[in-house]
Amino acid sequence: MASEIDLYTQYPLHMDGASKAISLPPSSAYTSTQSTTINSELEELNTLHRALISLDAPNVPPPPMPVNAKRGAQIAKLRESANTAYRKNNYAEAVRLYTYAIEMAISRPGWEPVALAREDLSGLYGNRAQAQMALQAWPEGLTDAKISVDSKPMGNVKAWWRVAKCLAEMTRYEEAKTFLLKGLEIEGRASDGAKELVALLEDVEAALKRAV
C-alpha cells in the first residue's frame, strides 16, 4: 500500500490577478479536513509572498556571481608556500600556512559553487593532516583527515589512509580497520593508492592479532 508521501493530488488552485494570492476554490469534492489543511498551507505561502514583496528593493536574490579568481589564486599561493615548508621539514610552519589557506577557502561567498569549496577544503585539510602527522599530532591529524574524507569521499585515497594511520598510531585498531575497509569499498581495490590501504590494513590486522 502506498504511503501518503507517494501519493500526488492535483488541486485546481486560483491566483488573484491583482494580489497574486493563491486560494482553493470551494468545492464539494474536498472533505472539510482537506480544505482546512490546504487553506492553512496556502495562507502561509501567501503570508511569505506578502512579506517578500514588502522588502526594500531589490527584493529578489542577486544573480549568480562569477568565481573570484583572485581568491582562488591566493589560496593556491598559500597552499604552495605550505607545501614548500613541508618539503623543508618545517612542519609547524606548514600547519600555520595551511590553516590560513583553509580559512580563506571557508570564507568563499555563498554564491560560489559548493563543489569548488569542497575540492579546495578536501585537499587543504588532507595536506594539513599530513603535516600534523609529521609532528606526531595524531588527534589533530585525525580530525583534519576526517574532514578531508567528508568533503570528498571518492577519489581521496590518501585521506582514508591518513585517518586509519592516525587511529592506528593511537592504538585504535578496530576503528582503523573499519575505516580502511570502508575506504576500500568506496575507492575500490583497483584504484590508485589502494595498495597503501591494503598494506596498512594488513598491519592493523596483525596488531589486532597481537593484542588478543
N, C-alpha and C. Protein backbone atom coordinates (compact mmCIF):
# COMPACT_ATOMS: atom_id res chain seq x y z
N MET A 1 0.85 -1.20 0.00
CA MET A 1 0.00 0.00 0.00
C MET A 1 0.88 1.24 0.00
N ALA A 2 0.56 2.19 -0.87
CA ALA A 2 1.37 3.40 -0.98
C ALA A 2 1.19 4.29 0.25
N SER A 3 2.26 4.91 0.70
CA SER A 3 2.18 5.84 1.82
C SER A 3 1.74 7.20 1.31
N GLU A 4 1.42 8.10 2.24
CA GLU A 4 0.95 9.42 1.85
C GLU A 4 1.98 10.17 1.03
N ILE A 5 3.25 9.93 1.32
CA ILE A 5 4.31 10.66 0.62
C ILE A 5 4.41 10.23 -0.85
N ASP A 6 3.89 9.03 -1.16
CA ASP A 6 3.94 8.54 -2.53
C ASP A 6 2.74 8.99 -3.36
N LEU A 7 1.74 9.57 -2.72
CA LEU A 7 0.52 9.97 -3.42
C LEU A 7 0.60 11.41 -3.87
N TYR A 8 0.06 11.68 -5.03
CA TYR A 8 0.04 13.04 -5.58
C TYR A 8 -1.40 13.40 -5.92
N THR A 9 -1.87 14.52 -5.40
CA THR A 9 -3.22 15.01 -5.68
C THR A 9 -3.13 16.41 -6.25
N GLN A 10 -3.71 16.61 -7.40
CA GLN A 10 -3.69 17.93 -8.05
C GLN A 10 -4.96 18.68 -7.71
N TYR A 11 -4.82 19.90 -7.19
CA TYR A 11 -5.96 20.73 -6.85
C TYR A 11 -6.04 21.92 -7.80
N PRO A 12 -7.23 22.31 -8.20
CA PRO A 12 -7.40 23.44 -9.13
C PRO A 12 -7.28 24.78 -8.39
N LEU A 13 -6.07 25.22 -8.13
CA LEU A 13 -5.84 26.44 -7.38
C LEU A 13 -6.15 27.66 -8.24
N HIS A 14 -6.45 28.76 -7.56
CA HIS A 14 -6.78 30.02 -8.24
C HIS A 14 -5.81 31.10 -7.76
N MET A 15 -5.30 31.93 -8.71
CA MET A 15 -4.44 33.04 -8.36
C MET A 15 -5.14 34.35 -8.67
N ASP A 16 -5.22 35.21 -7.67
CA ASP A 16 -5.82 36.52 -7.87
C ASP A 16 -4.91 37.38 -8.74
N GLY A 17 -5.46 37.98 -9.79
CA GLY A 17 -4.66 38.74 -10.74
C GLY A 17 -3.99 39.95 -10.14
N ALA A 18 -4.59 40.57 -9.15
CA ALA A 18 -4.04 41.80 -8.56
C ALA A 18 -3.05 41.51 -7.45
N SER A 19 -3.47 40.71 -6.47
CA SER A 19 -2.62 40.46 -5.29
C SER A 19 -1.69 39.28 -5.47
N LYS A 20 -1.95 38.45 -6.48
CA LYS A 20 -1.19 37.22 -6.73
C LYS A 20 -1.38 36.19 -5.61
N ALA A 21 -2.39 36.39 -4.77
CA ALA A 21 -2.66 35.43 -3.70
C ALA A 21 -3.25 34.15 -4.29
N ILE A 22 -2.87 33.03 -3.74
CA ILE A 22 -3.35 31.73 -4.22
C ILE A 22 -4.41 31.21 -3.26
N SER A 23 -5.50 30.68 -3.84
CA SER A 23 -6.58 30.17 -2.99
C SER A 23 -7.14 28.89 -3.61
N LEU A 24 -7.88 28.16 -2.80
CA LEU A 24 -8.52 26.93 -3.24
C LEU A 24 -10.01 27.21 -3.42
N PRO A 25 -10.53 27.17 -4.65
CA PRO A 25 -11.96 27.43 -4.86
C PRO A 25 -12.80 26.43 -4.07
N PRO A 26 -13.91 26.87 -3.51
CA PRO A 26 -14.78 25.95 -2.76
C PRO A 26 -15.33 24.86 -3.66
N SER A 27 -15.37 23.65 -3.13
CA SER A 27 -15.88 22.53 -3.91
C SER A 27 -16.34 21.43 -2.96
N SER A 28 -17.39 20.74 -3.38
CA SER A 28 -17.90 19.63 -2.56
C SER A 28 -17.03 18.38 -2.74
N ALA A 29 -16.01 18.48 -3.63
CA ALA A 29 -15.15 17.32 -3.87
C ALA A 29 -14.14 17.11 -2.75
N TYR A 30 -13.96 18.14 -1.88
CA TYR A 30 -12.98 18.03 -0.81
C TYR A 30 -13.68 17.85 0.53
N THR A 31 -13.05 17.10 1.40
CA THR A 31 -13.56 16.98 2.76
C THR A 31 -13.20 18.25 3.52
N SER A 32 -13.84 18.45 4.64
CA SER A 32 -13.54 19.64 5.44
C SER A 32 -12.10 19.63 5.93
N THR A 33 -11.59 18.44 6.23
CA THR A 33 -10.19 18.32 6.67
C THR A 33 -9.24 18.72 5.57
N GLN A 34 -9.50 18.24 4.34
CA GLN A 34 -8.65 18.60 3.20
C GLN A 34 -8.66 20.10 2.97
N SER A 35 -9.85 20.69 2.98
CA SER A 35 -9.96 22.12 2.73
C SER A 35 -9.21 22.93 3.78
N THR A 36 -9.37 22.53 5.04
CA THR A 36 -8.71 23.25 6.13
C THR A 36 -7.20 23.16 6.02
N THR A 37 -6.69 21.96 5.74
CA THR A 37 -5.24 21.75 5.63
C THR A 37 -4.65 22.54 4.47
N ILE A 38 -5.32 22.46 3.31
CA ILE A 38 -4.79 23.15 2.12
C ILE A 38 -4.84 24.66 2.31
N ASN A 39 -5.97 25.16 2.82
CA ASN A 39 -6.08 26.61 3.02
C ASN A 39 -5.07 27.12 4.03
N SER A 40 -4.77 26.32 5.02
CA SER A 40 -3.78 26.71 6.02
C SER A 40 -2.40 26.84 5.38
N GLU A 41 -2.03 25.87 4.53
CA GLU A 41 -0.73 25.92 3.85
C GLU A 41 -0.68 27.07 2.86
N LEU A 42 -1.77 27.31 2.17
CA LEU A 42 -1.80 28.42 1.21
C LEU A 42 -1.69 29.77 1.91
N GLU A 43 -2.27 29.88 3.09
CA GLU A 43 -2.19 31.14 3.83
C GLU A 43 -0.75 31.42 4.25
N GLU A 44 -0.02 30.37 4.65
CA GLU A 44 1.39 30.54 4.99
C GLU A 44 2.19 31.00 3.76
N LEU A 45 1.88 30.40 2.61
CA LEU A 45 2.55 30.78 1.37
C LEU A 45 2.24 32.22 0.99
N ASN A 46 0.98 32.61 1.12
CA ASN A 46 0.59 33.98 0.80
C ASN A 46 1.21 34.99 1.75
N THR A 47 1.32 34.60 3.03
CA THR A 47 1.95 35.48 4.01
C THR A 47 3.42 35.69 3.68
N LEU A 48 4.10 34.61 3.28
CA LEU A 48 5.51 34.71 2.89
C LEU A 48 5.65 35.60 1.66
N HIS A 49 4.75 35.45 0.70
CA HIS A 49 4.79 36.26 -0.52
C HIS A 49 4.62 37.73 -0.20
N ARG A 50 3.66 38.05 0.68
CA ARG A 50 3.44 39.46 1.04
C ARG A 50 4.66 40.03 1.76
N ALA A 51 5.29 39.21 2.59
CA ALA A 51 6.48 39.68 3.32
C ALA A 51 7.63 39.96 2.36
N LEU A 52 7.79 39.12 1.35
CA LEU A 52 8.89 39.30 0.40
C LEU A 52 8.71 40.54 -0.46
N ILE A 53 7.48 40.77 -0.94
CA ILE A 53 7.28 41.93 -1.81
C ILE A 53 7.28 43.24 -1.03
N SER A 54 7.18 43.15 0.29
CA SER A 54 7.21 44.37 1.10
C SER A 54 8.62 44.82 1.43
N LEU A 55 9.62 43.97 1.10
CA LEU A 55 11.01 44.32 1.39
C LEU A 55 11.47 45.47 0.51
N ASP A 56 12.48 46.18 1.01
CA ASP A 56 13.05 47.25 0.21
C ASP A 56 13.73 46.66 -1.03
N ALA A 57 13.63 47.37 -2.12
CA ALA A 57 14.25 46.90 -3.36
C ALA A 57 15.77 46.86 -3.22
N PRO A 58 16.49 45.92 -3.84
CA PRO A 58 15.89 44.82 -4.60
C PRO A 58 15.40 43.72 -3.67
N ASN A 59 14.20 43.22 -3.93
CA ASN A 59 13.63 42.21 -3.04
C ASN A 59 13.72 40.81 -3.63
N VAL A 60 14.65 40.62 -4.55
CA VAL A 60 14.92 39.29 -5.09
C VAL A 60 16.40 39.01 -4.91
N PRO A 61 16.77 37.75 -4.80
CA PRO A 61 18.20 37.42 -4.64
C PRO A 61 19.01 37.93 -5.83
N PRO A 62 20.26 38.30 -5.61
CA PRO A 62 21.09 38.76 -6.73
C PRO A 62 21.39 37.61 -7.68
N PRO A 63 21.70 37.89 -8.91
CA PRO A 63 22.06 36.82 -9.86
C PRO A 63 23.37 36.17 -9.44
N PRO A 64 23.60 34.93 -9.89
CA PRO A 64 24.85 34.25 -9.54
C PRO A 64 26.06 35.09 -9.94
N MET A 65 27.06 35.09 -9.07
CA MET A 65 28.28 35.85 -9.34
C MET A 65 29.37 34.92 -9.85
N PRO A 66 30.25 35.40 -10.69
CA PRO A 66 31.35 34.55 -11.16
C PRO A 66 32.32 34.25 -10.02
N VAL A 67 33.08 33.18 -10.19
CA VAL A 67 34.07 32.79 -9.18
C VAL A 67 35.15 33.86 -9.10
N ASN A 68 35.52 34.20 -7.87
CA ASN A 68 36.56 35.20 -7.64
C ASN A 68 37.93 34.56 -7.91
N ALA A 69 38.48 34.85 -9.09
CA ALA A 69 39.76 34.24 -9.47
C ALA A 69 40.89 34.67 -8.55
N LYS A 70 40.81 35.90 -8.03
CA LYS A 70 41.85 36.40 -7.14
C LYS A 70 41.91 35.58 -5.86
N ARG A 71 40.74 35.25 -5.31
CA ARG A 71 40.71 34.44 -4.09
C ARG A 71 41.32 33.06 -4.35
N GLY A 72 40.94 32.46 -5.49
CA GLY A 72 41.49 31.15 -5.84
C GLY A 72 43.00 31.19 -5.96
N ALA A 73 43.52 32.27 -6.54
CA ALA A 73 44.97 32.41 -6.70
C ALA A 73 45.65 32.55 -5.34
N GLN A 74 45.02 33.28 -4.43
CA GLN A 74 45.60 33.46 -3.09
C GLN A 74 45.63 32.14 -2.33
N ILE A 75 44.56 31.36 -2.47
CA ILE A 75 44.52 30.06 -1.81
C ILE A 75 45.61 29.15 -2.37
N ALA A 76 45.75 29.17 -3.71
CA ALA A 76 46.78 28.33 -4.34
C ALA A 76 48.18 28.75 -3.91
N LYS A 77 48.39 30.06 -3.77
CA LYS A 77 49.71 30.55 -3.36
C LYS A 77 50.03 30.12 -1.93
N LEU A 78 49.04 30.22 -1.04
CA LEU A 78 49.26 29.78 0.34
C LEU A 78 49.52 28.28 0.40
N ARG A 79 48.78 27.52 -0.40
CA ARG A 79 48.99 26.07 -0.43
C ARG A 79 50.40 25.73 -0.88
N GLU A 80 50.87 26.41 -1.91
CA GLU A 80 52.21 26.13 -2.42
C GLU A 80 53.28 26.52 -1.39
N SER A 81 53.06 27.64 -0.69
CA SER A 81 54.01 28.04 0.35
C SER A 81 54.04 27.02 1.47
N ALA A 82 52.85 26.49 1.82
CA ALA A 82 52.79 25.46 2.86
C ALA A 82 53.46 24.19 2.39
N ASN A 83 53.25 23.83 1.12
CA ASN A 83 53.91 22.63 0.58
C ASN A 83 55.44 22.77 0.64
N THR A 84 55.92 23.97 0.32
CA THR A 84 57.37 24.22 0.36
C THR A 84 57.90 24.06 1.79
N ALA A 85 57.16 24.61 2.76
CA ALA A 85 57.58 24.49 4.15
C ALA A 85 57.60 23.02 4.58
N TYR A 86 56.61 22.26 4.11
CA TYR A 86 56.57 20.84 4.46
C TYR A 86 57.77 20.10 3.88
N ARG A 87 58.08 20.39 2.61
CA ARG A 87 59.21 19.72 1.98
C ARG A 87 60.53 20.04 2.68
N LYS A 88 60.60 21.22 3.33
CA LYS A 88 61.80 21.62 4.08
C LYS A 88 61.76 21.11 5.52
N ASN A 89 60.78 20.25 5.82
CA ASN A 89 60.61 19.67 7.16
C ASN A 89 60.21 20.71 8.20
N ASN A 90 59.71 21.85 7.76
CA ASN A 90 59.23 22.88 8.68
C ASN A 90 57.72 22.66 8.85
N TYR A 91 57.39 21.62 9.61
CA TYR A 91 56.00 21.16 9.67
C TYR A 91 55.09 22.14 10.39
N ALA A 92 55.59 22.77 11.44
CA ALA A 92 54.77 23.74 12.18
C ALA A 92 54.38 24.91 11.28
N GLU A 93 55.35 25.39 10.48
CA GLU A 93 55.07 26.47 9.55
C GLU A 93 54.07 26.01 8.48
N ALA A 94 54.20 24.78 8.04
CA ALA A 94 53.27 24.23 7.05
C ALA A 94 51.85 24.22 7.61
N VAL A 95 51.72 23.78 8.86
CA VAL A 95 50.39 23.77 9.50
C VAL A 95 49.81 25.18 9.55
N ARG A 96 50.64 26.15 9.91
CA ARG A 96 50.18 27.54 10.00
C ARG A 96 49.69 28.06 8.65
N LEU A 97 50.45 27.79 7.60
CA LEU A 97 50.08 28.28 6.28
C LEU A 97 48.85 27.54 5.72
N TYR A 98 48.77 26.24 5.96
CA TYR A 98 47.58 25.51 5.54
C TYR A 98 46.34 26.05 6.24
N THR A 99 46.51 26.43 7.51
CA THR A 99 45.38 26.98 8.27
C THR A 99 44.89 28.27 7.65
N TYR A 100 45.81 29.15 7.25
CA TYR A 100 45.41 30.39 6.58
C TYR A 100 44.65 30.09 5.29
N ALA A 101 45.16 29.12 4.53
CA ALA A 101 44.50 28.76 3.28
C ALA A 101 43.11 28.19 3.52
N ILE A 102 42.97 27.38 4.57
CA ILE A 102 41.68 26.81 4.92
C ILE A 102 40.69 27.90 5.28
N GLU A 103 41.14 28.85 6.09
CA GLU A 103 40.26 29.94 6.50
C GLU A 103 39.79 30.75 5.28
N MET A 104 40.68 30.94 4.32
CA MET A 104 40.31 31.68 3.12
C MET A 104 39.32 30.88 2.27
N ALA A 105 39.53 29.57 2.19
CA ALA A 105 38.63 28.72 1.41
C ALA A 105 37.25 28.65 2.05
N ILE A 106 37.20 28.61 3.38
CA ILE A 106 35.92 28.56 4.09
C ILE A 106 35.13 29.85 3.88
N SER A 107 35.84 30.96 3.72
CA SER A 107 35.17 32.26 3.61
C SER A 107 34.72 32.57 2.19
N ARG A 108 34.76 31.59 1.29
CA ARG A 108 34.25 31.83 -0.07
C ARG A 108 32.79 32.27 0.01
N PRO A 109 32.36 33.23 -0.79
CA PRO A 109 30.96 33.68 -0.77
C PRO A 109 30.00 32.53 -1.07
N GLY A 110 28.80 32.63 -0.52
CA GLY A 110 27.82 31.56 -0.68
C GLY A 110 27.37 31.31 -2.09
N TRP A 111 27.54 32.32 -2.97
CA TRP A 111 27.07 32.13 -4.34
C TRP A 111 28.07 31.36 -5.20
N GLU A 112 29.29 31.16 -4.71
CA GLU A 112 30.24 30.38 -5.49
C GLU A 112 29.91 28.90 -5.38
N PRO A 113 30.25 28.11 -6.38
CA PRO A 113 29.89 26.68 -6.37
C PRO A 113 30.40 25.95 -5.14
N VAL A 114 29.51 25.17 -4.51
CA VAL A 114 29.88 24.41 -3.32
C VAL A 114 30.97 23.40 -3.66
N ALA A 115 30.90 22.83 -4.86
CA ALA A 115 31.88 21.82 -5.25
C ALA A 115 33.29 22.40 -5.26
N LEU A 116 33.41 23.68 -5.60
CA LEU A 116 34.72 24.32 -5.62
C LEU A 116 35.30 24.41 -4.22
N ALA A 117 34.48 24.82 -3.26
CA ALA A 117 34.93 24.92 -1.87
C ALA A 117 35.29 23.54 -1.32
N ARG A 118 34.47 22.54 -1.64
CA ARG A 118 34.74 21.19 -1.15
C ARG A 118 36.06 20.65 -1.69
N GLU A 119 36.33 20.93 -2.96
CA GLU A 119 37.58 20.46 -3.57
C GLU A 119 38.78 21.12 -2.89
N ASP A 120 38.68 22.44 -2.69
CA ASP A 120 39.76 23.15 -2.00
C ASP A 120 39.98 22.61 -0.60
N LEU A 121 38.89 22.50 0.15
CA LEU A 121 38.99 22.11 1.56
C LEU A 121 39.45 20.67 1.72
N SER A 122 39.02 19.81 0.82
CA SER A 122 39.46 18.42 0.89
C SER A 122 40.98 18.33 0.80
N GLY A 123 41.55 19.04 -0.18
CA GLY A 123 42.99 18.99 -0.35
C GLY A 123 43.75 19.68 0.77
N LEU A 124 43.24 20.82 1.22
CA LEU A 124 43.93 21.58 2.26
C LEU A 124 43.90 20.86 3.61
N TYR A 125 42.74 20.32 3.96
CA TYR A 125 42.66 19.57 5.22
C TYR A 125 43.52 18.30 5.14
N GLY A 126 43.54 17.67 3.96
CA GLY A 126 44.38 16.49 3.80
C GLY A 126 45.85 16.82 3.96
N ASN A 127 46.27 17.93 3.37
CA ASN A 127 47.67 18.34 3.49
C ASN A 127 48.02 18.72 4.93
N ARG A 128 47.10 19.43 5.59
CA ARG A 128 47.39 19.80 6.97
C ARG A 128 47.43 18.57 7.86
N ALA A 129 46.60 17.58 7.54
CA ALA A 129 46.64 16.33 8.30
C ALA A 129 48.01 15.68 8.19
N GLN A 130 48.58 15.70 6.98
CA GLN A 130 49.90 15.10 6.79
C GLN A 130 50.96 15.84 7.59
N ALA A 131 50.85 17.17 7.63
CA ALA A 131 51.80 17.95 8.42
C ALA A 131 51.63 17.67 9.91
N GLN A 132 50.40 17.53 10.36
CA GLN A 132 50.15 17.19 11.77
C GLN A 132 50.74 15.82 12.09
N MET A 133 50.60 14.90 11.16
CA MET A 133 51.15 13.56 11.39
C MET A 133 52.67 13.59 11.47
N ALA A 134 53.30 14.46 10.67
CA ALA A 134 54.76 14.60 10.73
C ALA A 134 55.20 15.11 12.09
N LEU A 135 54.32 15.87 12.74
CA LEU A 135 54.59 16.37 14.10
C LEU A 135 54.15 15.37 15.16
N GLN A 136 53.62 14.22 14.71
CA GLN A 136 53.07 13.19 15.58
C GLN A 136 51.91 13.72 16.42
N ALA A 137 51.20 14.70 15.85
CA ALA A 137 49.99 15.23 16.49
C ALA A 137 48.82 14.40 15.95
N TRP A 138 48.70 13.18 16.44
CA TRP A 138 47.75 12.22 15.87
C TRP A 138 46.29 12.65 16.00
N PRO A 139 45.82 13.16 17.15
CA PRO A 139 44.42 13.58 17.23
C PRO A 139 44.09 14.70 16.23
N GLU A 140 45.02 15.67 16.12
CA GLU A 140 44.79 16.78 15.19
C GLU A 140 44.81 16.28 13.74
N GLY A 141 45.74 15.38 13.45
CA GLY A 141 45.80 14.81 12.11
C GLY A 141 44.55 14.01 11.78
N LEU A 142 44.06 13.28 12.77
CA LEU A 142 42.83 12.50 12.58
C LEU A 142 41.65 13.41 12.25
N THR A 143 41.51 14.50 12.99
CA THR A 143 40.41 15.42 12.75
C THR A 143 40.46 15.99 11.34
N ASP A 144 41.64 16.43 10.93
CA ASP A 144 41.78 17.01 9.60
C ASP A 144 41.53 15.98 8.50
N ALA A 145 42.04 14.78 8.69
CA ALA A 145 41.86 13.74 7.68
C ALA A 145 40.38 13.36 7.54
N LYS A 146 39.67 13.32 8.65
CA LYS A 146 38.24 13.01 8.60
C LYS A 146 37.47 14.09 7.84
N ILE A 147 37.82 15.34 8.07
CA ILE A 147 37.16 16.43 7.35
C ILE A 147 37.45 16.32 5.86
N SER A 148 38.67 15.95 5.52
CA SER A 148 39.03 15.77 4.11
C SER A 148 38.17 14.68 3.47
N VAL A 149 37.98 13.57 4.18
CA VAL A 149 37.15 12.48 3.68
C VAL A 149 35.70 12.93 3.54
N ASP A 150 35.20 13.64 4.54
CA ASP A 150 33.82 14.11 4.49
C ASP A 150 33.60 15.07 3.32
N SER A 151 34.61 15.90 3.03
CA SER A 151 34.49 16.86 1.93
C SER A 151 34.52 16.18 0.58
N LYS A 152 35.29 15.07 0.49
CA LYS A 152 35.43 14.37 -0.79
C LYS A 152 35.67 12.88 -0.51
N PRO A 153 34.59 12.11 -0.39
CA PRO A 153 34.75 10.69 -0.05
C PRO A 153 35.39 9.86 -1.15
N MET A 154 35.14 10.20 -2.41
CA MET A 154 35.66 9.41 -3.53
C MET A 154 36.86 10.10 -4.17
N GLY A 155 37.80 9.30 -4.65
CA GLY A 155 39.00 9.87 -5.26
C GLY A 155 39.87 10.57 -4.26
N ASN A 156 39.89 10.05 -3.04
CA ASN A 156 40.63 10.69 -1.95
C ASN A 156 41.28 9.62 -1.07
N VAL A 157 42.00 8.71 -1.73
CA VAL A 157 42.58 7.55 -1.03
C VAL A 157 43.51 7.98 0.10
N LYS A 158 44.30 9.01 -0.15
CA LYS A 158 45.28 9.44 0.86
C LYS A 158 44.58 9.84 2.16
N ALA A 159 43.42 10.48 2.05
CA ALA A 159 42.71 10.90 3.26
C ALA A 159 42.22 9.69 4.05
N TRP A 160 41.72 8.67 3.34
CA TRP A 160 41.30 7.45 4.04
C TRP A 160 42.50 6.81 4.75
N TRP A 161 43.65 6.79 4.06
CA TRP A 161 44.85 6.21 4.66
C TRP A 161 45.27 7.00 5.90
N ARG A 162 45.21 8.34 5.81
CA ARG A 162 45.63 9.17 6.94
C ARG A 162 44.73 8.97 8.15
N VAL A 163 43.43 8.86 7.91
CA VAL A 163 42.51 8.62 9.03
C VAL A 163 42.91 7.33 9.74
N ALA A 164 43.07 6.26 8.96
CA ALA A 164 43.39 4.96 9.55
C ALA A 164 44.76 4.97 10.22
N LYS A 165 45.73 5.64 9.60
CA LYS A 165 47.08 5.70 10.17
C LYS A 165 47.07 6.39 11.52
N CYS A 166 46.35 7.50 11.62
CA CYS A 166 46.26 8.22 12.91
C CYS A 166 45.60 7.35 13.97
N LEU A 167 44.54 6.66 13.58
CA LEU A 167 43.85 5.77 14.53
C LEU A 167 44.78 4.65 14.98
N ALA A 168 45.54 4.10 14.03
CA ALA A 168 46.47 3.02 14.37
C ALA A 168 47.56 3.51 15.31
N GLU A 169 48.06 4.71 15.07
CA GLU A 169 49.10 5.26 15.94
C GLU A 169 48.58 5.49 17.36
N MET A 170 47.27 5.68 17.48
CA MET A 170 46.66 5.85 18.80
C MET A 170 46.15 4.51 19.35
N THR A 171 46.58 3.41 18.70
CA THR A 171 46.21 2.03 19.05
C THR A 171 44.70 1.80 19.00
N ARG A 172 44.01 2.55 18.19
CA ARG A 172 42.57 2.35 17.99
C ARG A 172 42.40 1.50 16.72
N TYR A 173 42.85 0.25 16.84
CA TYR A 173 42.97 -0.61 15.67
C TYR A 173 41.63 -1.02 15.06
N GLU A 174 40.64 -1.28 15.89
CA GLU A 174 39.34 -1.68 15.35
C GLU A 174 38.74 -0.56 14.50
N GLU A 175 38.84 0.69 14.99
CA GLU A 175 38.34 1.82 14.22
C GLU A 175 39.14 2.00 12.93
N ALA A 176 40.46 1.80 13.03
CA ALA A 176 41.31 1.91 11.85
C ALA A 176 40.90 0.89 10.80
N LYS A 177 40.64 -0.33 11.24
CA LYS A 177 40.23 -1.39 10.31
C LYS A 177 38.91 -1.03 9.64
N THR A 178 37.98 -0.51 10.42
CA THR A 178 36.68 -0.13 9.87
C THR A 178 36.84 0.93 8.78
N PHE A 179 37.67 1.93 9.04
CA PHE A 179 37.88 2.99 8.05
C PHE A 179 38.58 2.45 6.80
N LEU A 180 39.54 1.57 6.98
CA LEU A 180 40.24 1.01 5.83
C LEU A 180 39.30 0.19 4.95
N LEU A 181 38.46 -0.61 5.57
CA LEU A 181 37.51 -1.42 4.79
C LEU A 181 36.51 -0.52 4.07
N LYS A 182 36.07 0.54 4.76
CA LYS A 182 35.14 1.48 4.12
C LYS A 182 35.83 2.20 2.97
N GLY A 183 37.08 2.59 3.18
CA GLY A 183 37.83 3.27 2.13
C GLY A 183 38.01 2.38 0.90
N LEU A 184 38.32 1.11 1.12
CA LEU A 184 38.48 0.17 0.02
C LEU A 184 37.16 -0.08 -0.70
N GLU A 185 36.08 -0.07 0.07
CA GLU A 185 34.75 -0.26 -0.53
C GLU A 185 34.40 0.91 -1.45
N ILE A 186 34.70 2.12 -1.01
CA ILE A 186 34.35 3.31 -1.78
C ILE A 186 35.32 3.54 -2.93
N GLU A 187 36.61 3.41 -2.66
CA GLU A 187 37.63 3.69 -3.67
C GLU A 187 37.84 2.52 -4.64
N GLY A 188 37.64 1.31 -4.14
CA GLY A 188 37.89 0.13 -4.98
C GLY A 188 39.33 -0.33 -4.83
N ARG A 189 39.51 -1.63 -4.84
CA ARG A 189 40.85 -2.19 -4.65
C ARG A 189 41.75 -1.99 -5.86
N ALA A 190 41.15 -1.61 -6.99
CA ALA A 190 41.96 -1.39 -8.20
C ALA A 190 42.32 0.07 -8.40
N SER A 191 41.91 0.93 -7.46
CA SER A 191 42.16 2.37 -7.61
C SER A 191 43.61 2.71 -7.28
N ASP A 192 44.03 3.89 -7.74
CA ASP A 192 45.37 4.37 -7.42
C ASP A 192 45.50 4.56 -5.91
N GLY A 193 46.52 4.02 -5.34
CA GLY A 193 46.73 4.19 -3.91
C GLY A 193 46.08 3.11 -3.06
N ALA A 194 45.27 2.23 -3.67
CA ALA A 194 44.58 1.20 -2.89
C ALA A 194 45.57 0.24 -2.24
N LYS A 195 46.74 0.05 -2.89
CA LYS A 195 47.76 -0.84 -2.31
C LYS A 195 48.20 -0.35 -0.93
N GLU A 196 48.25 0.98 -0.77
CA GLU A 196 48.64 1.53 0.54
C GLU A 196 47.59 1.21 1.59
N LEU A 197 46.31 1.28 1.18
CA LEU A 197 45.24 0.94 2.12
C LEU A 197 45.33 -0.53 2.51
N VAL A 198 45.57 -1.39 1.52
CA VAL A 198 45.67 -2.83 1.79
C VAL A 198 46.86 -3.12 2.70
N ALA A 199 47.98 -2.48 2.43
CA ALA A 199 49.18 -2.72 3.25
C ALA A 199 48.95 -2.29 4.69
N LEU A 200 48.31 -1.12 4.88
CA LEU A 200 48.02 -0.66 6.23
C LEU A 200 47.01 -1.57 6.90
N LEU A 201 46.04 -2.07 6.13
CA LEU A 201 45.05 -2.98 6.68
C LEU A 201 45.72 -4.25 7.20
N GLU A 202 46.70 -4.75 6.47
CA GLU A 202 47.43 -5.95 6.93
C GLU A 202 48.17 -5.66 8.23
N ASP A 203 48.77 -4.48 8.34
CA ASP A 203 49.48 -4.11 9.57
C ASP A 203 48.51 -4.01 10.74
N VAL A 204 47.34 -3.41 10.48
CA VAL A 204 46.35 -3.24 11.54
C VAL A 204 45.81 -4.59 12.01
N GLU A 205 45.53 -5.47 11.05
CA GLU A 205 45.03 -6.79 11.42
C GLU A 205 46.07 -7.58 12.20
N ALA A 206 47.35 -7.41 11.85
CA ALA A 206 48.42 -8.08 12.60
C ALA A 206 48.49 -7.55 14.02
N ALA A 207 48.29 -6.23 14.17
CA ALA A 207 48.31 -5.62 15.52
C ALA A 207 47.12 -6.12 16.34
N LEU A 208 46.00 -6.32 15.70
CA LEU A 208 44.82 -6.84 16.42
C LEU A 208 45.06 -8.28 16.90
N LYS A 209 45.74 -9.05 16.09
CA LYS A 209 46.04 -10.44 16.50
C LYS A 209 47.02 -10.46 17.67
N ARG A 210 47.99 -9.55 17.63
CA ARG A 210 48.95 -9.49 18.76
C ARG A 210 48.28 -9.08 20.06
N ALA A 211 47.20 -8.28 19.92
CA ALA A 211 46.52 -7.78 21.11
C ALA A 211 45.61 -8.81 21.75
N VAL A 212 45.34 -9.90 21.03
CA VAL A 212 44.44 -10.93 21.57
C VAL A 212 45.15 -11.73 22.68
